[in-house]
Structures are given as structure tokens and as C-alpha cells.
Amino acid sequence: GDPKNPEDVVQTKTRGSLIVFDSRQ
């Protein structure tokens, strides 16, 4: 969503990692 970095972002697969994000994302 960043015009300066429009690439899709793959999140970490590290076990136990917690991804928190705006529900509109």
C-alpha cells in the first residue's frame, strides 16, 4: 500500500510469531 514500496509483503513463518494488523488491510 506504500507508493514508494508497492510490492506485496510476505510475512514471517517463524513459529510463534504474531502478526497484528488493521482489519481493513
PDB file of all heavy atoms in Angstrom:
ATOM      1  N   GLY A   1       0.793  -1.223   0.000  1.00  0.00           N
ATOM      2  CA  GLY A   1       0.000   0.000   0.000  1.00  0.00           C
ATOM      3  C   GLY A   1       0.822   1.267   0.000  1.00  0.00           C
ATOM      4  O   GLY A   1       0.277   2.364  -0.029  1.00  0.00           O
ATOM      5  N   ASP A   2       2.140   1.128   0.025  1.00  0.00           N
ATOM      6  CA  ASP A   2       3.025   2.281   0.048  1.00  0.00           C
ATOM      7  C   ASP A   2       3.488   2.591  -1.378  1.00  0.00           C
ATOM      8  O   ASP A   2       4.124   1.752  -2.010  1.00  0.00           O
ATOM      9  CB  ASP A   2       4.238   1.978   0.939  1.00  0.00           C
ATOM     10  CG  ASP A   2       5.130   3.183   1.146  1.00  0.00           C
ATOM     11  OD1 ASP A   2       4.996   4.159   0.382  1.00  0.00           O
ATOM     12  OD2 ASP A   2       5.957   3.149   2.067  1.00  0.00           O
ATOM     13  N   PRO A   3       3.161   3.767  -1.910  1.00  0.00           N
ATOM     14  CA  PRO A   3       3.569   4.090  -3.284  1.00  0.00           C
ATOM     15  C   PRO A   3       5.070   3.957  -3.503  1.00  0.00           C
ATOM     16  O   PRO A   3       5.515   3.679  -4.616  1.00  0.00           O
ATOM     17  CB  PRO A   3       3.098   5.541  -3.452  1.00  0.00           C
ATOM     18  CG  PRO A   3       1.984   5.697  -2.468  1.00  0.00           C
ATOM     19  CD  PRO A   3       2.378   4.851  -1.282  1.00  0.00           C
ATOM     20  N   LYS A   4       5.853   4.151  -2.447  1.00  0.00           N
ATOM     21  CA  LYS A   4       7.301   4.036  -2.579  1.00  0.00           C
ATOM     22  C   LYS A   4       7.750   2.576  -2.552  1.00  0.00           C
ATOM     23  O   LYS A   4       8.874   2.264  -2.932  1.00  0.00           O
ATOM     24  CB  LYS A   4       7.985   4.808  -1.444  1.00  0.00           C
ATOM     25  CG  LYS A   4       7.722   6.308  -1.485  1.00  0.00           C
ATOM     26  CD  LYS A   4       8.440   7.006  -0.342  1.00  0.00           C
ATOM     27  CE  LYS A   4       8.194   8.508  -0.373  1.00  0.00           C
ATOM     28  NZ  LYS A   4       8.869   9.199   0.756  1.00  0.00           N
ATOM     29  N   ASN A   5       6.862   1.679  -2.072  1.00  0.00           N
ATOM     30  CA  ASN A   5       7.186   0.257  -1.998  1.00  0.00           C
ATOM     31  C   ASN A   5       5.909  -0.534  -2.249  1.00  0.00           C
ATOM     32  O   ASN A   5       5.310  -1.077  -1.332  1.00  0.00           O
ATOM     33  CB  ASN A   5       7.786  -0.093  -0.636  1.00  0.00           C
ATOM     34  CG  ASN A   5       8.195  -1.552  -0.552  1.00  0.00           C
ATOM     35  OD1 ASN A   5       8.473  -2.185  -1.564  1.00  0.00           O
ATOM     36  ND2 ASN A   5       8.214  -2.094   0.649  1.00  0.00           N
ATOM     37  N   PRO A   6       5.450  -0.585  -3.511  1.00  0.00           N
ATOM     38  CA  PRO A   6       4.149  -1.171  -3.822  1.00  0.00           C
ATOM     39  C   PRO A   6       4.121  -2.690  -3.843  1.00  0.00           C
ATOM     40  O   PRO A   6       3.075  -3.274  -4.076  1.00  0.00           O
ATOM     41  CB  PRO A   6       3.857  -0.595  -5.217  1.00  0.00           C
ATOM     42  CG  PRO A   6       5.219  -0.443  -5.829  1.00  0.00           C
ATOM     43  CD  PRO A   6       6.114  -0.025  -4.696  1.00  0.00           C
ATOM     44  N   GLU A   7       5.262  -3.331  -3.619  1.00  0.00           N
ATOM     45  CA  GLU A   7       5.305  -4.782  -3.680  1.00  0.00           C
ATOM     46  C   GLU A   7       4.507  -5.400  -2.531  1.00  0.00           C
ATOM     47  O   GLU A   7       4.476  -4.884  -1.416  1.00  0.00           O
ATOM     48  CB  GLU A   7       6.759  -5.271  -3.618  1.00  0.00           C
ATOM     49  CG  GLU A   7       7.625  -4.802  -4.769  1.00  0.00           C
ATOM     50  CD  GLU A   7       7.149  -5.349  -6.106  1.00  0.00           C
ATOM     51  OE1 GLU A   7       6.709  -6.515  -6.134  1.00  0.00           O
ATOM     52  OE2 GLU A   7       7.219  -4.619  -7.100  1.00  0.00           O
ATOM     53  N   ASP A   8       3.851  -6.541  -2.827  1.00  0.00           N
ATOM     54  CA  ASP A   8       3.173  -7.287  -1.772  1.00  0.00           C
ATOM     55  C   ASP A   8       4.209  -7.805  -0.773  1.00  0.00           C
ATOM     56  O   ASP A   8       5.364  -8.079  -1.134  1.00  0.00           O
ATOM     57  CB  ASP A   8       2.396  -8.464  -2.364  1.00  0.00           C
ATOM     58  CG  ASP A   8       1.289  -8.007  -3.301  1.00  0.00           C
ATOM     59  OD1 ASP A   8       0.861  -6.851  -3.179  1.00  0.00           O
ATOM     60  OD2 ASP A   8       0.858  -8.806  -4.142  1.00  0.00           O
ATOM     61  N   VAL A   9       3.802  -7.924   0.486  1.00  0.00           N
ATOM     62  CA  VAL A   9       4.735  -8.285   1.553  1.00  0.00           C
ATOM     63  C   VAL A   9       4.376  -9.651   2.123  1.00  0.00           C
ATOM     64  O   VAL A   9       3.256  -9.857   2.605  1.00  0.00           O
ATOM     65  CB  VAL A   9       4.721  -7.230   2.678  1.00  0.00           C
ATOM     66  CG1 VAL A   9       5.648  -7.651   3.811  1.00  0.00           C
ATOM     67  CG2 VAL A   9       5.137  -5.873   2.131  1.00  0.00           C
ATOM     68  N   VAL A  10       5.324 -10.577   2.067  1.00  0.00           N
ATOM     69  CA  VAL A  10       5.143 -11.913   2.640  1.00  0.00           C
ATOM     70  C   VAL A  10       5.618 -11.884   4.086  1.00  0.00           C
ATOM     71  O   VAL A  10       6.740 -11.450   4.372  1.00  0.00           O
ATOM     72  CB  VAL A  10       5.936 -12.969   1.836  1.00  0.00           C
ATOM     73  CG1 VAL A  10       5.756 -14.351   2.465  1.00  0.00           C
ATOM     74  CG2 VAL A  10       5.489 -12.974   0.384  1.00  0.00           C
ATOM     75  N   GLN A  11       4.763 -12.348   4.998  1.00  0.00           N
ATOM     76  CA  GLN A  11       5.094 -12.293   6.409  1.00  0.00           C
ATOM     77  C   GLN A  11       5.938 -13.488   6.860  1.00  0.00           C
ATOM     78  O   GLN A  11       5.991 -14.529   6.186  1.00  0.00           O
ATOM     79  CB  GLN A  11       3.818 -12.233   7.242  1.00  0.00           C
ATOM     80  CG  GLN A  11       3.044 -10.949   7.068  1.00  0.00           C
ATOM     81  CD  GLN A  11       3.860  -9.734   7.459  1.00  0.00           C
ATOM     82  OE1 GLN A  11       4.474  -9.694   8.512  1.00  0.00           O
ATOM     83  NE2 GLN A  11       3.865  -8.727   6.603  1.00  0.00           N
ATOM     84  N   THR A  12       6.565 -13.346   7.993  1.00  0.00           N
ATOM     85  CA  THR A  12       7.423 -14.380   8.543  1.00  0.00           C
ATOM     86  C   THR A  12       6.642 -15.655   8.848  1.00  0.00           C
ATOM     87  O   THR A  12       5.463 -15.608   9.195  1.00  0.00           O
ATOM     88  CB  THR A  12       8.101 -13.877   9.835  1.00  0.00           C
ATOM     89  OG1 THR A  12       8.886 -14.942  10.393  1.00  0.00           O
ATOM     90  CG2 THR A  12       7.080 -13.430  10.874  1.00  0.00           C
ATOM     91  N   LYS A  13       7.321 -16.797   8.693  1.00  0.00           N
ATOM     92  CA  LYS A  13       6.745 -18.083   9.064  1.00  0.00           C
ATOM     93  C   LYS A  13       7.334 -18.617  10.374  1.00  0.00           C
ATOM     94  O   LYS A  13       7.091 -19.762  10.749  1.00  0.00           O
ATOM     95  CB  LYS A  13       6.981 -19.109   7.955  1.00  0.00           C
ATOM     96  CG  LYS A  13       6.176 -18.876   6.687  1.00  0.00           C
ATOM     97  CD  LYS A  13       6.393 -20.018   5.702  1.00  0.00           C
ATOM     98  CE  LYS A  13       5.525 -19.872   4.476  1.00  0.00           C
ATOM     99  NZ  LYS A  13       5.730 -21.013   3.527  1.00  0.00           N
ATOM    100  N   THR A  14       8.084 -17.788  11.052  1.00  0.00           N
ATOM    101  CA  THR A  14       8.705 -18.230  12.296  1.00  0.00           C
ATOM    102  C   THR A  14       7.643 -18.719  13.277  1.00  0.00           C
ATOM    103  O   THR A  14       6.662 -18.029  13.548  1.00  0.00           O
ATOM    104  CB  THR A  14       9.500 -17.085  12.939  1.00  0.00           C
ATOM    105  OG1 THR A  14      10.502 -16.632  12.020  1.00  0.00           O
ATOM    106  CG2 THR A  14      10.172 -17.544  14.231  1.00  0.00           C
ATOM    107  N   ARG A  15       7.857 -19.895  13.809  1.00  0.00           N
ATOM    108  CA  ARG A  15       6.878 -20.476  14.729  1.00  0.00           C
ATOM    109  C   ARG A  15       6.740 -19.608  15.977  1.00  0.00           C
ATOM    110  O   ARG A  15       7.730 -19.198  16.576  1.00  0.00           O
ATOM    111  CB  ARG A  15       7.313 -21.883  15.127  1.00  0.00           C
ATOM    112  CG  ARG A  15       6.222 -22.717  15.776  1.00  0.00           C
ATOM    113  CD  ARG A  15       6.672 -24.128  16.010  1.00  0.00           C
ATOM    114  NE  ARG A  15       5.538 -25.032  16.140  1.00  0.00           N
ATOM    115  CZ  ARG A  15       5.649 -26.341  16.341  1.00  0.00           C
ATOM    116  NH1 ARG A  15       6.856 -26.894  16.439  1.00  0.00           N
ATOM    117  NH2 ARG A  15       4.562 -27.098  16.447  1.00  0.00           N
ATOM    118  N   GLY A  16       5.498 -19.297  16.346  1.00  0.00           N
ATOM    119  CA  GLY A  16       5.239 -18.452  17.500  1.00  0.00           C
ATOM    120  C   GLY A  16       5.169 -16.979  17.173  1.00  0.00           C
ATOM    121  O   GLY A  16       4.892 -16.168  18.054  1.00  0.00           O
ATOM    122  N   SER A  17       5.381 -16.609  15.907  1.00  0.00           N
ATOM    123  CA  SER A  17       5.283 -15.193  15.535  1.00  0.00           C
ATOM    124  C   SER A  17       3.814 -14.775  15.491  1.00  0.00           C
ATOM    125  O   SER A  17       2.936 -15.551  15.133  1.00  0.00           O
ATOM    126  CB  SER A  17       5.958 -14.928  14.191  1.00  0.00           C
ATOM    127  OG  SER A  17       5.371 -15.708  13.170  1.00  0.00           O
ATOM    128  N   LEU A  18       3.568 -13.545  15.878  1.00  0.00           N
ATOM    129  CA  LEU A  18       2.218 -12.993  15.926  1.00  0.00           C
ATOM    130  C   LEU A  18       2.151 -11.797  14.982  1.00  0.00           C
ATOM    131  O   LEU A  18       2.876 -10.816  15.174  1.00  0.00           O
ATOM    132  CB  LEU A  18       1.866 -12.564  17.350  1.00  0.00           C
ATOM    133  CG  LEU A  18       0.473 -11.972  17.577  1.00  0.00           C
ATOM    134  CD1 LEU A  18      -0.600 -13.025  17.353  1.00  0.00           C
ATOM    135  CD2 LEU A  18       0.367 -11.391  18.994  1.00  0.00           C
ATOM    136  N   ILE A  19       1.297 -11.885  13.973  1.00  0.00           N
ATOM    137  CA  ILE A  19       1.102 -10.794  13.034  1.00  0.00           C
ATOM    138  C   ILE A  19      -0.161 -10.051  13.445  1.00  0.00           C
ATOM    139  O   ILE A  19      -1.245 -10.641  13.508  1.00  0.00           O
ATOM    140  CB  ILE A  19       0.962 -11.300  11.587  1.00  0.00           C
ATOM    141  CG1 ILE A  19       2.058 -12.304  11.246  1.00  0.00           C
ATOM    142  CG2 ILE A  19       0.961 -10.130  10.616  1.00  0.00           C
ATOM    143  CD1 ILE A  19       3.456 -11.775  11.361  1.00  0.00           C
ATOM    144  N   VAL A  20      -0.046  -8.762  13.740  1.00  0.00           N
ATOM    145  CA  VAL A  20      -1.181  -7.925  14.143  1.00  0.00           C
ATOM    146  C   VAL A  20      -1.337  -6.835  13.092  1.00  0.00           C
ATOM    147  O   VAL A  20      -0.363  -6.184  12.718  1.00  0.00           O
ATOM    148  CB  VAL A  20      -0.958  -7.310  15.532  1.00  0.00           C
ATOM    149  CG1 VAL A  20      -2.172  -6.479  15.957  1.00  0.00           C
ATOM    150  CG2 VAL A  20      -0.678  -8.397  16.565  1.00  0.00           C
ATOM    151  N   PHE A  21      -2.569  -6.619  12.627  1.00  0.00           N
ATOM    152  CA  PHE A  21      -2.756  -5.664  11.539  1.00  0.00           C
ATOM    153  C   PHE A  21      -4.148  -5.051  11.573  1.00  0.00           C
ATOM    154  O   PHE A  21      -5.089  -5.600  12.151  1.00  0.00           O
ATOM    155  CB  PHE A  21      -2.507  -6.340  10.186  1.00  0.00           C
ATOM    156  CG  PHE A  21      -3.334  -7.577   9.915  1.00  0.00           C
ATOM    157  CD1 PHE A  21      -4.505  -7.496   9.175  1.00  0.00           C
ATOM    158  CD2 PHE A  21      -2.937  -8.816  10.399  1.00  0.00           C
ATOM    159  CE1 PHE A  21      -5.259  -8.622   8.917  1.00  0.00           C
ATOM    160  CE2 PHE A  21      -3.687  -9.957  10.149  1.00  0.00           C
ATOM    161  CZ  PHE A  21      -4.853  -9.861   9.402  1.00  0.00           C
ATOM    162  N   ASP A  22      -4.239  -3.896  10.939  1.00  0.00           N
ATOM    163  CA  ASP A  22      -5.509  -3.212  10.780  1.00  0.00           C
ATOM    164  C   ASP A  22      -6.453  -4.107   9.974  1.00  0.00           C
ATOM    165  O   ASP A  22      -6.083  -4.627   8.922  1.00  0.00           O
ATOM    166  CB  ASP A  22      -5.269  -1.886  10.045  1.00  0.00           C
ATOM    167  CG  ASP A  22      -6.497  -0.994   9.996  1.00  0.00           C
ATOM    168  OD1 ASP A  22      -7.536  -1.442   9.470  1.00  0.00           O
ATOM    169  OD2 ASP A  22      -6.405   0.167  10.459  1.00  0.00           O
ATOM    170  N   SER A  23      -7.686  -4.294  10.475  1.00  0.00           N
ATOM    171  CA  SER A  23      -8.616  -5.229   9.852  1.00  0.00           C
ATOM    172  C   SER A  23      -9.048  -4.799   8.456  1.00  0.00           C
ATOM    173  O   SER A  23      -9.645  -5.595   7.720  1.00  0.00           O
ATOM    174  CB  SER A  23      -9.852  -5.407  10.737  1.00  0.00           C
ATOM    175  OG  SER A  23      -9.497  -5.976  11.983  1.00  0.00           O
ATOM    176  N   ARG A  24      -8.749  -3.560   8.067  1.00  0.00           N
ATOM    177  CA  ARG A  24      -9.074  -3.091   6.721  1.00  0.00           C
ATOM    178  C   ARG A  24      -7.981  -3.431   5.717  1.00  0.00           C
ATOM    179  O   ARG A  24      -8.136  -3.200   4.514  1.00  0.00           O
ATOM    180  CB  ARG A  24      -9.309  -1.577   6.738  1.00  0.00           C
ATOM    181  CG  ARG A  24     -10.471  -1.137   7.619  1.00  0.00           C
ATOM    182  CD  ARG A  24     -10.460   0.359   7.874  1.00  0.00           C
ATOM    183  NE  ARG A  24      -9.313   0.763   8.692  1.00  0.00           N
ATOM    184  CZ  ARG A  24      -9.093   2.003   9.094  1.00  0.00           C
ATOM    185  NH1 ARG A  24      -9.943   2.966   8.773  1.00  0.00           N
ATOM    186  NH2 ARG A  24      -8.023   2.299   9.836  1.00  0.00           N
ATOM    187  N   GLN A  25      -6.873  -3.997   6.199  1.00  0.00           N
ATOM    188  CA  GLN A  25      -5.738  -4.287   5.343  1.00  0.00           C
ATOM    189  C   GLN A  25      -6.008  -5.507   4.458  1.00  0.00           C
ATOM    190  O   GLN A  25      -6.407  -6.569   4.940  1.00  0.00           O
ATOM    191  CB  GLN A  25      -4.498  -4.546   6.208  1.00  0.00           C
ATOM    192  CG  GLN A  25      -3.231  -4.849   5.437  1.00  0.00           C
ATOM    193  CD  GLN A  25      -2.696  -3.622   4.733  1.00  0.00           C
ATOM    194  OE1 GLN A  25      -2.764  -2.516   5.251  1.00  0.00           O
ATOM    195  NE2 GLN A  25      -2.166  -3.822   3.537  1.00  0.00           N
TER     196      GLN A  25
END
